[in-house]
């Protein structure tokens, strides 16, 4: 019964041209992602990161947790210090995306009721 209902719903969506399908495309300009600067597809940046990781002997495929708990690294702290120098700031803080940076900023701004 559930299968037939789902099949009917899919056919309805398809007939209304509302059925979405995952696709891949190469060689197009990306106006749909959060990769505004095109860094995710940069072979030059990939090579710089890969060379740095190999040179420094970094042996992790990811943080494994938030930086506060277990995911901090000398590499992240070095980058923050370097960025602080570039931006002539006292310090900087890395975020994994603009979304999480915005969440952090907006959740830390006091409200009218804050004491």
C-alpha atoms as a PDB file:
ATOM      1  CA  UNK A   1       0.000   0.000   0.000  1.00  0.00           C
ATOM      2  CA  UNK A   2       2.777   2.444   0.892  1.00  0.00           C
ATOM      3  CA  UNK A   3       4.663   1.474  -2.278  1.00  0.00           C
ATOM      4  CA  UNK A   4       1.662   2.192  -4.489  1.00  0.00           C
ATOM      5  CA  UNK A   5       1.004   5.527  -2.763  1.00  0.00           C
ATOM      6  CA  UNK A   6       4.631   6.595  -3.188  1.00  0.00           C
ATOM      7  CA  UNK A   7       4.629   5.465  -6.817  1.00  0.00           C
ATOM      8  CA  UNK A   8       1.455   7.485  -7.466  1.00  0.00           C
ATOM      9  CA  UNK A   9       2.971  10.588  -5.833  1.00  0.00           C
ATOM     10  CA  UNK A  10       6.112  10.227  -7.936  1.00  0.00           C
ATOM     11  CA  UNK A  11       4.078   9.941 -11.132  1.00  0.00           C
ATOM     12  CA  UNK A  12       2.095  13.055 -10.141  1.00  0.00           C
ATOM     13  CA  UNK A  13       5.272  15.044  -9.570  1.00  0.00           C
ATOM     14  CA  UNK A  14       6.727  13.809 -12.825  1.00  0.00           C
ATOM     15  CA  UNK A  15       3.596  14.738 -14.793  1.00  0.00           C
ATOM     16  CA  UNK A  16       3.753  18.269 -13.328  1.00  0.00           C
ATOM     17  CA  UNK A  17       7.491  18.430 -14.096  1.00  0.00           C
ATOM     18  CA  UNK A  18       8.218  18.776 -10.373  1.00  0.00           C
ATOM     19  CA  UNK A  19      10.295  15.627 -10.030  1.00  0.00           C
ATOM     20  CA  UNK A  20      13.874  16.462  -9.134  1.00  0.00           C
ATOM     21  CA  UNK A  21      16.821  14.276 -10.004  1.00  0.00           C
ATOM     22  CA  UNK A  22      20.460  14.470  -8.977  1.00  0.00           C
ATOM     23  CA  UNK A  23      22.737  15.424 -11.856  1.00  0.00           C
ATOM     24  CA  UNK A  24      26.362  16.274 -12.414  1.00  0.00           C
ATOM     25  CA  UNK A  25      27.753  18.828 -14.830  1.00  0.00           C
ATOM     26  CA  UNK A  26      31.252  19.816 -15.862  1.00  0.00           C
ATOM     27  CA  UNK A  27      32.556  23.047 -17.315  1.00  0.00           C
ATOM     28  CA  UNK A  28      29.697  25.276 -16.177  1.00  0.00           C
ATOM     29  CA  UNK A  29      29.810  28.470 -14.143  1.00  0.00           C
ATOM     30  CA  UNK A  30      28.472  27.717 -10.650  1.00  0.00           C
ATOM     31  CA  UNK A  31      25.824  30.199  -9.533  1.00  0.00           C
ATOM     32  CA  UNK A  32      24.100  27.757  -7.190  1.00  0.00           C
ATOM     33  CA  UNK A  33      26.530  26.764  -4.449  1.00  0.00           C
ATOM     34  CA  UNK A  34      28.213  28.426  -1.495  1.00  0.00           C
ATOM     35  CA  UNK A  35      31.586  28.255  -3.256  1.00  0.00           C
ATOM     36  CA  UNK A  36      31.466  31.935  -4.169  1.00  0.00           C
ATOM     37  CA  UNK A  37      35.190  32.231  -4.821  1.00  0.00           C
ATOM     38  CA  UNK A  38      35.582  28.928  -6.657  1.00  0.00           C
ATOM     39  CA  UNK A  39      38.022  27.619  -4.059  1.00  0.00           C
ATOM     40  CA  UNK A  40      36.456  24.159  -3.878  1.00  0.00           C
ATOM     41  CA  UNK A  41      37.442  23.459  -7.479  1.00  0.00           C
ATOM     42  CA  UNK A  42      40.826  25.216  -7.421  1.00  0.00           C
ATOM     43  CA  UNK A  43      43.564  22.766  -8.405  1.00  0.00           C
ATOM     44  CA  UNK A  44      46.197  25.304  -7.329  1.00  0.00           C
ATOM     45  CA  UNK A  45      44.717  25.551  -3.824  1.00  0.00           C
ATOM     46  CA  UNK A  46      44.327  21.772  -3.643  1.00  0.00           C
ATOM     47  CA  UNK A  47      48.000  21.320  -4.530  1.00  0.00           C
ATOM     48  CA  UNK A  48      49.132  23.929  -1.964  1.00  0.00           C
ATOM     49  CA  UNK A  49      47.110  22.220   0.772  1.00  0.00           C
ATOM     50  CA  UNK A  50      48.299  18.774  -0.258  1.00  0.00           C
ATOM     51  CA  UNK A  51      51.951  19.876  -0.309  1.00  0.00           C
ATOM     52  CA  UNK A  52      51.611  21.529   3.111  1.00  0.00           C
ATOM     53  CA  UNK A  53      49.982  18.473   4.635  1.00  0.00           C
ATOM     54  CA  UNK A  54      52.704  16.194   3.254  1.00  0.00           C
ATOM     55  CA  UNK A  55      55.515  18.540   4.292  1.00  0.00           C
ATOM     56  CA  UNK A  56      54.204  18.893   7.837  1.00  0.00           C
ATOM     57  CA  UNK A  57      53.399  15.201   8.194  1.00  0.00           C
ATOM     58  CA  UNK A  58      49.765  15.853   9.064  1.00  0.00           C
ATOM     59  CA  UNK A  59      48.121  12.423   9.318  1.00  0.00           C
ATOM     60  CA  UNK A  60      44.422  13.127   9.842  1.00  0.00           C
ATOM     61  CA  UNK A  61      41.551  13.127   7.356  1.00  0.00           C
ATOM     62  CA  UNK A  62      39.501  15.535   9.452  1.00  0.00           C
ATOM     63  CA  UNK A  63      39.118  17.056  12.860  1.00  0.00           C
ATOM     64  CA  UNK A  64      37.014  14.282  14.359  1.00  0.00           C
ATOM     65  CA  UNK A  65      35.153  16.811  16.486  1.00  0.00           C
ATOM     66  CA  UNK A  66      34.704  20.484  17.132  1.00  0.00           C
ATOM     67  CA  UNK A  67      37.860  22.473  17.716  1.00  0.00           C
ATOM     68  CA  UNK A  68      36.820  23.161  21.278  1.00  0.00           C
ATOM     69  CA  UNK A  69      36.594  19.456  22.134  1.00  0.00           C
ATOM     70  CA  UNK A  70      39.132  17.526  20.055  1.00  0.00           C
ATOM     71  CA  UNK A  71      39.497  19.069  16.623  1.00  0.00           C
ATOM     72  CA  UNK A  72      41.988  21.878  17.158  1.00  0.00           C
ATOM     73  CA  UNK A  73      45.333  21.752  15.369  1.00  0.00           C
ATOM     74  CA  UNK A  74      48.569  23.683  15.100  1.00  0.00           C
ATOM     75  CA  UNK A  75      47.752  24.143  11.415  1.00  0.00           C
ATOM     76  CA  UNK A  76      44.461  25.932  12.227  1.00  0.00           C
ATOM     77  CA  UNK A  77      46.105  28.130  14.842  1.00  0.00           C
ATOM     78  CA  UNK A  78      48.957  28.997  12.478  1.00  0.00           C
ATOM     79  CA  UNK A  79      46.464  29.972   9.755  1.00  0.00           C
ATOM     80  CA  UNK A  80      44.496  32.133  12.195  1.00  0.00           C
ATOM     81  CA  UNK A  81      47.690  33.940  13.215  1.00  0.00           C
ATOM     82  CA  UNK A  82      48.659  34.448   9.581  1.00  0.00           C
ATOM     83  CA  UNK A  83      45.201  35.798   8.716  1.00  0.00           C
ATOM     84  CA  UNK A  84      45.337  38.167  11.702  1.00  0.00           C
ATOM     85  CA  UNK A  85      48.522  39.607  10.238  1.00  0.00           C
ATOM     86  CA  UNK A  86      47.025  39.933   6.776  1.00  0.00           C
ATOM     87  CA  UNK A  87      43.916  41.687   8.118  1.00  0.00           C
ATOM     88  CA  UNK A  88      45.917  43.675  10.686  1.00  0.00           C
ATOM     89  CA  UNK A  89      43.674  42.309  13.431  1.00  0.00           C
ATOM     90  CA  UNK A  90      44.431  41.265  16.989  1.00  0.00           C
ATOM     91  CA  UNK A  91      43.242  37.742  16.181  1.00  0.00           C
ATOM     92  CA  UNK A  92      41.041  35.766  13.803  1.00  0.00           C
ATOM     93  CA  UNK A  93      38.804  32.727  14.166  1.00  0.00           C
ATOM     94  CA  UNK A  94      38.247  30.135  11.448  1.00  0.00           C
ATOM     95  CA  UNK A  95      34.819  28.686  10.721  1.00  0.00           C
ATOM     96  CA  UNK A  96      34.048  25.814   8.390  1.00  0.00           C
ATOM     97  CA  UNK A  97      31.483  27.881   6.477  1.00  0.00           C
ATOM     98  CA  UNK A  98      29.908  31.298   6.232  1.00  0.00           C
ATOM     99  CA  UNK A  99      26.754  29.772   7.648  1.00  0.00           C
ATOM    100  CA  UNK A 100      28.441  28.687  10.880  1.00  0.00           C
ATOM    101  CA  UNK A 101      30.241  32.028  11.133  1.00  0.00           C
ATOM    102  CA  UNK A 102      26.893  33.817  10.864  1.00  0.00           C
ATOM    103  CA  UNK A 103      25.354  31.490  13.446  1.00  0.00           C
ATOM    104  CA  UNK A 104      28.178  32.215  15.874  1.00  0.00           C
ATOM    105  CA  UNK A 105      27.966  35.970  15.426  1.00  0.00           C
ATOM    106  CA  UNK A 106      24.193  36.195  15.586  1.00  0.00           C
ATOM    107  CA  UNK A 107      23.876  33.861  18.561  1.00  0.00           C
ATOM    108  CA  UNK A 108      26.457  35.815  20.544  1.00  0.00           C
ATOM    109  CA  UNK A 109      24.920  39.247  20.046  1.00  0.00           C
ATOM    110  CA  UNK A 110      23.049  40.117  23.223  1.00  0.00           C
ATOM    111  CA  UNK A 111      19.331  40.636  23.085  1.00  0.00           C
ATOM    112  CA  UNK A 112      17.317  43.347  24.756  1.00  0.00           C
ATOM    113  CA  UNK A 113      16.643  40.989  27.698  1.00  0.00           C
ATOM    114  CA  UNK A 114      20.306  40.085  28.256  1.00  0.00           C
ATOM    115  CA  UNK A 115      21.804  41.269  31.534  1.00  0.00           C
END
